[in-house]
């Protein structure tokens, strides 16, 4: 693990945050009702995971491009982030209902939560960076868990 700035981590975070900023003006009308029912443990795991993933993505150069066979893993992680962007485009073009937000995409359940978690997990694997892998698992438990519960409530 090498400390320093990761431009790849920064790109992934921009891809993560850009649609989320747009979403703040395009939330489903009844979103706040669902948030009230969130499991507190999952919420804490989500927040801790978010903070750690952001920090670790930026402070390790392990994620910057290295040409070896492992670049395939980085390409897969980037492809998942591109799918995440496409998921958001689909949501923004929808009626912006809760079921639109928590729908699956290409067979991936709760894609808005699952795709970036898988992408950052692969980024950690690519960089052989245990802190990012652990942080992503913590984030995944909280974030995907919350989204699965919201999706269940929508049904």
C-alpha atoms as a PDB file:
ATOM      1  CA  UNK A   1       0.000   0.000   0.000  1.00  0.00           C
ATOM      2  CA  UNK A   2       1.498   3.273  -1.131  1.00  0.00           C
ATOM      3  CA  UNK A   3       0.291   6.604   0.194  1.00  0.00           C
ATOM      4  CA  UNK A   4      -0.328   9.407  -2.266  1.00  0.00           C
ATOM      5  CA  UNK A   5      -3.093  10.828  -4.422  1.00  0.00           C
ATOM      6  CA  UNK A   6      -5.100   8.396  -6.546  1.00  0.00           C
ATOM      7  CA  UNK A   7      -6.437  10.012  -9.698  1.00  0.00           C
ATOM      8  CA  UNK A   8      -8.334   6.785 -10.469  1.00  0.00           C
ATOM      9  CA  UNK A   9      -9.987   6.931  -7.046  1.00  0.00           C
ATOM     10  CA  UNK A  10     -10.895  10.565  -7.708  1.00  0.00           C
ATOM     11  CA  UNK A  11     -12.462   9.660 -11.074  1.00  0.00           C
ATOM     12  CA  UNK A  12     -14.511   6.893  -9.447  1.00  0.00           C
ATOM     13  CA  UNK A  13     -15.691   9.284  -6.735  1.00  0.00           C
ATOM     14  CA  UNK A  14     -16.693  11.921  -9.284  1.00  0.00           C
ATOM     15  CA  UNK A  15     -18.661   9.244 -11.143  1.00  0.00           C
ATOM     16  CA  UNK A  16     -20.278   8.308  -7.823  1.00  0.00           C
ATOM     17  CA  UNK A  17     -21.119  11.793  -6.565  1.00  0.00           C
ATOM     18  CA  UNK A  18     -22.203  13.568  -9.774  1.00  0.00           C
ATOM     19  CA  UNK A  19     -25.518  11.706 -10.201  1.00  0.00           C
ATOM     20  CA  UNK A  20     -26.135  11.826  -6.461  1.00  0.00           C
ATOM     21  CA  UNK A  21     -25.910  15.625  -6.532  1.00  0.00           C
ATOM     22  CA  UNK A  22     -28.411  15.725  -9.400  1.00  0.00           C
ATOM     23  CA  UNK A  23     -30.613  13.268  -7.475  1.00  0.00           C
ATOM     24  CA  UNK A  24     -30.970  15.722  -4.573  1.00  0.00           C
ATOM     25  CA  UNK A  25     -33.237  17.766  -6.873  1.00  0.00           C
ATOM     26  CA  UNK A  26     -34.944  14.656  -8.302  1.00  0.00           C
ATOM     27  CA  UNK A  27     -35.873  12.570  -5.269  1.00  0.00           C
ATOM     28  CA  UNK A  28     -39.043  10.503  -5.324  1.00  0.00           C
ATOM     29  CA  UNK A  29     -41.801  12.491  -3.632  1.00  0.00           C
ATOM     30  CA  UNK A  30     -42.247  10.010  -0.770  1.00  0.00           C
ATOM     31  CA  UNK A  31     -38.538   9.286  -0.214  1.00  0.00           C
ATOM     32  CA  UNK A  32     -38.419  10.910   3.238  1.00  0.00           C
ATOM     33  CA  UNK A  33     -41.126   8.536   4.488  1.00  0.00           C
ATOM     34  CA  UNK A  34     -38.908   5.556   3.682  1.00  0.00           C
ATOM     35  CA  UNK A  35     -35.828   7.089   5.313  1.00  0.00           C
ATOM     36  CA  UNK A  36     -37.678   7.281   8.642  1.00  0.00           C
ATOM     37  CA  UNK A  37     -37.863   3.464   8.705  1.00  0.00           C
ATOM     38  CA  UNK A  38     -34.174   2.779   8.053  1.00  0.00           C
ATOM     39  CA  UNK A  39     -32.402   0.318  10.308  1.00  0.00           C
ATOM     40  CA  UNK A  40     -30.030   2.303  12.542  1.00  0.00           C
ATOM     41  CA  UNK A  41     -27.269  -0.313  12.450  1.00  0.00           C
ATOM     42  CA  UNK A  42     -27.331  -0.401   8.648  1.00  0.00           C
ATOM     43  CA  UNK A  43     -27.292   3.415   8.592  1.00  0.00           C
ATOM     44  CA  UNK A  44     -24.206   3.530  10.820  1.00  0.00           C
ATOM     45  CA  UNK A  45     -22.441   0.905   8.692  1.00  0.00           C
ATOM     46  CA  UNK A  46     -23.351   2.853   5.563  1.00  0.00           C
ATOM     47  CA  UNK A  47     -21.992   6.162   6.927  1.00  0.00           C
ATOM     48  CA  UNK A  48     -18.781   4.637   8.274  1.00  0.00           C
ATOM     49  CA  UNK A  49     -18.270   2.783   4.992  1.00  0.00           C
ATOM     50  CA  UNK A  50     -18.890   5.941   2.953  1.00  0.00           C
ATOM     51  CA  UNK A  51     -16.317   7.941   4.888  1.00  0.00           C
ATOM     52  CA  UNK A  52     -13.714   5.192   4.718  1.00  0.00           C
ATOM     53  CA  UNK A  53     -14.257   4.464   1.023  1.00  0.00           C
ATOM     54  CA  UNK A  54     -13.915   8.139   0.106  1.00  0.00           C
ATOM     55  CA  UNK A  55     -10.741   8.547   2.166  1.00  0.00           C
ATOM     56  CA  UNK A  56      -9.079   5.311   1.093  1.00  0.00           C
ATOM     57  CA  UNK A  57      -9.954   5.848  -2.578  1.00  0.00           C
ATOM     58  CA  UNK A  58      -8.024   9.106  -2.565  1.00  0.00           C
ATOM     59  CA  UNK A  59      -5.014   8.484  -0.295  1.00  0.00           C
ATOM     60  CA  UNK A  60      -3.514   5.351  -1.867  1.00  0.00           C
ATOM     61  CA  UNK A  61      -1.777   5.369  -5.240  1.00  0.00           C
ATOM     62  CA  UNK A  62      -2.441   1.628  -5.496  1.00  0.00           C
ATOM     63  CA  UNK A  63      -5.458   2.336  -7.708  1.00  0.00           C
ATOM     64  CA  UNK A  64      -3.645   4.356 -10.369  1.00  0.00           C
ATOM     65  CA  UNK A  65      -3.193   2.659 -13.735  1.00  0.00           C
ATOM     66  CA  UNK A  66      -0.504  -0.012 -13.895  1.00  0.00           C
ATOM     67  CA  UNK A  67      -0.192  -2.064 -17.023  1.00  0.00           C
ATOM     68  CA  UNK A  68      -0.295  -5.716 -16.107  1.00  0.00           C
ATOM     69  CA  UNK A  69      -2.800  -8.529 -16.448  1.00  0.00           C
ATOM     70  CA  UNK A  70      -4.650  -7.032 -13.457  1.00  0.00           C
ATOM     71  CA  UNK A  71      -5.753  -4.047 -15.506  1.00  0.00           C
ATOM     72  CA  UNK A  72      -8.650  -6.303 -16.517  1.00  0.00           C
ATOM     73  CA  UNK A  73      -9.972  -5.922 -12.963  1.00  0.00           C
ATOM     74  CA  UNK A  74      -9.703  -2.127 -13.215  1.00  0.00           C
ATOM     75  CA  UNK A  75     -11.539  -2.191 -16.552  1.00  0.00           C
ATOM     76  CA  UNK A  76     -14.293  -4.317 -14.989  1.00  0.00           C
ATOM     77  CA  UNK A  77     -14.575  -1.862 -12.070  1.00  0.00           C
ATOM     78  CA  UNK A  78     -14.785   1.055 -14.491  1.00  0.00           C
ATOM     79  CA  UNK A  79     -17.422  -0.785 -16.552  1.00  0.00           C
ATOM     80  CA  UNK A  80     -19.535  -1.176 -13.404  1.00  0.00           C
ATOM     81  CA  UNK A  81     -19.274   2.569 -12.799  1.00  0.00           C
ATOM     82  CA  UNK A  82     -20.368   3.221 -16.392  1.00  0.00           C
ATOM     83  CA  UNK A  83     -23.376   0.947 -15.795  1.00  0.00           C
ATOM     84  CA  UNK A  84     -24.045   2.972 -12.633  1.00  0.00           C
ATOM     85  CA  UNK A  85     -24.156   6.154 -14.729  1.00  0.00           C
ATOM     86  CA  UNK A  86     -26.551   4.469 -17.181  1.00  0.00           C
ATOM     87  CA  UNK A  87     -28.727   3.341 -14.250  1.00  0.00           C
ATOM     88  CA  UNK A  88     -29.002   6.984 -13.140  1.00  0.00           C
ATOM     89  CA  UNK A  89     -29.829   8.207 -16.641  1.00  0.00           C
ATOM     90  CA  UNK A  90     -32.644   5.662 -16.712  1.00  0.00           C
ATOM     91  CA  UNK A  91     -33.867   6.870 -13.308  1.00  0.00           C
ATOM     92  CA  UNK A  92     -33.756  10.564 -14.318  1.00  0.00           C
ATOM     93  CA  UNK A  93     -35.802   9.767 -17.423  1.00  0.00           C
ATOM     94  CA  UNK A  94     -38.366   7.819 -15.371  1.00  0.00           C
ATOM     95  CA  UNK A  95     -41.341   9.086 -13.397  1.00  0.00           C
ATOM     96  CA  UNK A  96     -38.956   9.236 -10.390  1.00  0.00           C
ATOM     97  CA  UNK A  97     -40.975   6.959  -8.148  1.00  0.00           C
ATOM     98  CA  UNK A  98     -39.531   4.889  -5.328  1.00  0.00           C
ATOM     99  CA  UNK A  99     -39.864   1.716  -7.373  1.00  0.00           C
ATOM    100  CA  UNK A 100     -37.904   3.401 -10.199  1.00  0.00           C
ATOM    101  CA  UNK A 101     -35.109   4.230  -7.794  1.00  0.00           C
ATOM    102  CA  UNK A 102     -34.905   0.785  -6.230  1.00  0.00           C
ATOM    103  CA  UNK A 103     -35.351  -1.222  -9.381  1.00  0.00           C
ATOM    104  CA  UNK A 104     -32.899  -3.709 -10.736  1.00  0.00           C
ATOM    105  CA  UNK A 105     -30.832  -3.030 -13.822  1.00  0.00           C
ATOM    106  CA  UNK A 106     -29.571  -5.716 -16.196  1.00  0.00           C
ATOM    107  CA  UNK A 107     -30.526  -8.338 -13.619  1.00  0.00           C
ATOM    108  CA  UNK A 108     -28.617  -6.598 -10.821  1.00  0.00           C
ATOM    109  CA  UNK A 109     -30.916  -6.023  -7.822  1.00  0.00           C
ATOM    110  CA  UNK A 110     -31.048  -2.503  -6.305  1.00  0.00           C
ATOM    111  CA  UNK A 111     -28.524  -1.436  -8.922  1.00  0.00           C
ATOM    112  CA  UNK A 112     -28.118   2.079  -7.531  1.00  0.00           C
ATOM    113  CA  UNK A 113     -26.503   0.591  -4.447  1.00  0.00           C
ATOM    114  CA  UNK A 114     -25.013  -2.609  -5.808  1.00  0.00           C
ATOM    115  CA  UNK A 115     -23.119  -1.313  -8.845  1.00  0.00           C
ATOM    116  CA  UNK A 116     -20.874   1.226  -7.078  1.00  0.00           C
ATOM    117  CA  UNK A 117     -20.211  -1.121  -4.171  1.00  0.00           C
ATOM    118  CA  UNK A 118     -19.077  -3.840  -6.585  1.00  0.00           C
ATOM    119  CA  UNK A 119     -16.997  -1.294  -8.521  1.00  0.00           C
ATOM    120  CA  UNK A 120     -15.152  -0.101  -5.411  1.00  0.00           C
ATOM    121  CA  UNK A 121     -14.672  -3.692  -4.257  1.00  0.00           C
ATOM    122  CA  UNK A 122     -13.012  -4.495  -7.585  1.00  0.00           C
ATOM    123  CA  UNK A 123     -10.952  -1.303  -7.294  1.00  0.00           C
ATOM    124  CA  UNK A 124      -9.698  -2.513  -3.918  1.00  0.00           C
ATOM    125  CA  UNK A 125      -8.899  -5.930  -5.375  1.00  0.00           C
ATOM    126  CA  UNK A 126      -7.099  -4.309  -8.322  1.00  0.00           C
ATOM    127  CA  UNK A 127      -5.008  -2.196  -5.947  1.00  0.00           C
ATOM    128  CA  UNK A 128      -4.494  -5.122  -3.536  1.00  0.00           C
ATOM    129  CA  UNK A 129      -5.643  -2.659  -0.906  1.00  0.00           C
ATOM    130  CA  UNK A 130      -7.102  -4.395   2.145  1.00  0.00           C
ATOM    131  CA  UNK A 131      -8.362  -1.163   3.803  1.00  0.00           C
ATOM    132  CA  UNK A 132     -10.500  -0.287   0.752  1.00  0.00           C
ATOM    133  CA  UNK A 133     -11.783  -3.855   0.469  1.00  0.00           C
ATOM    134  CA  UNK A 134     -12.847  -3.869   4.137  1.00  0.00           C
ATOM    135  CA  UNK A 135     -14.333  -0.358   3.885  1.00  0.00           C
ATOM    136  CA  UNK A 136     -16.301  -1.390   0.799  1.00  0.00           C
ATOM    137  CA  UNK A 137     -17.662  -4.475   2.550  1.00  0.00           C
ATOM    138  CA  UNK A 138     -18.800  -2.307   5.473  1.00  0.00           C
ATOM    139  CA  UNK A 139     -20.389   0.139   3.036  1.00  0.00           C
ATOM    140  CA  UNK A 140     -22.004  -2.692   1.091  1.00  0.00           C
ATOM    141  CA  UNK A 141     -23.642  -4.229   4.133  1.00  0.00           C
ATOM    142  CA  UNK A 142     -25.164  -0.905   5.140  1.00  0.00           C
ATOM    143  CA  UNK A 143     -25.936   0.637   1.762  1.00  0.00           C
ATOM    144  CA  UNK A 144     -27.231  -2.439  -0.036  1.00  0.00           C
ATOM    145  CA  UNK A 145     -29.093  -3.531   3.102  1.00  0.00           C
ATOM    146  CA  UNK A 146     -30.896  -0.193   3.308  1.00  0.00           C
ATOM    147  CA  UNK A 147     -31.747  -0.280  -0.395  1.00  0.00           C
ATOM    148  CA  UNK A 148     -33.054  -3.837  -0.184  1.00  0.00           C
ATOM    149  CA  UNK A 149     -35.313  -2.813   2.705  1.00  0.00           C
ATOM    150  CA  UNK A 150     -36.597   0.195   0.744  1.00  0.00           C
ATOM    151  CA  UNK A 151     -37.203  -1.999  -2.303  1.00  0.00           C
ATOM    152  CA  UNK A 152     -39.166  -4.432  -0.148  1.00  0.00           C
ATOM    153  CA  UNK A 153     -41.261  -1.563   1.233  1.00  0.00           C
ATOM    154  CA  UNK A 154     -42.005  -0.391  -2.325  1.00  0.00           C
ATOM    155  CA  UNK A 155     -43.594  -3.759  -3.116  1.00  0.00           C
END
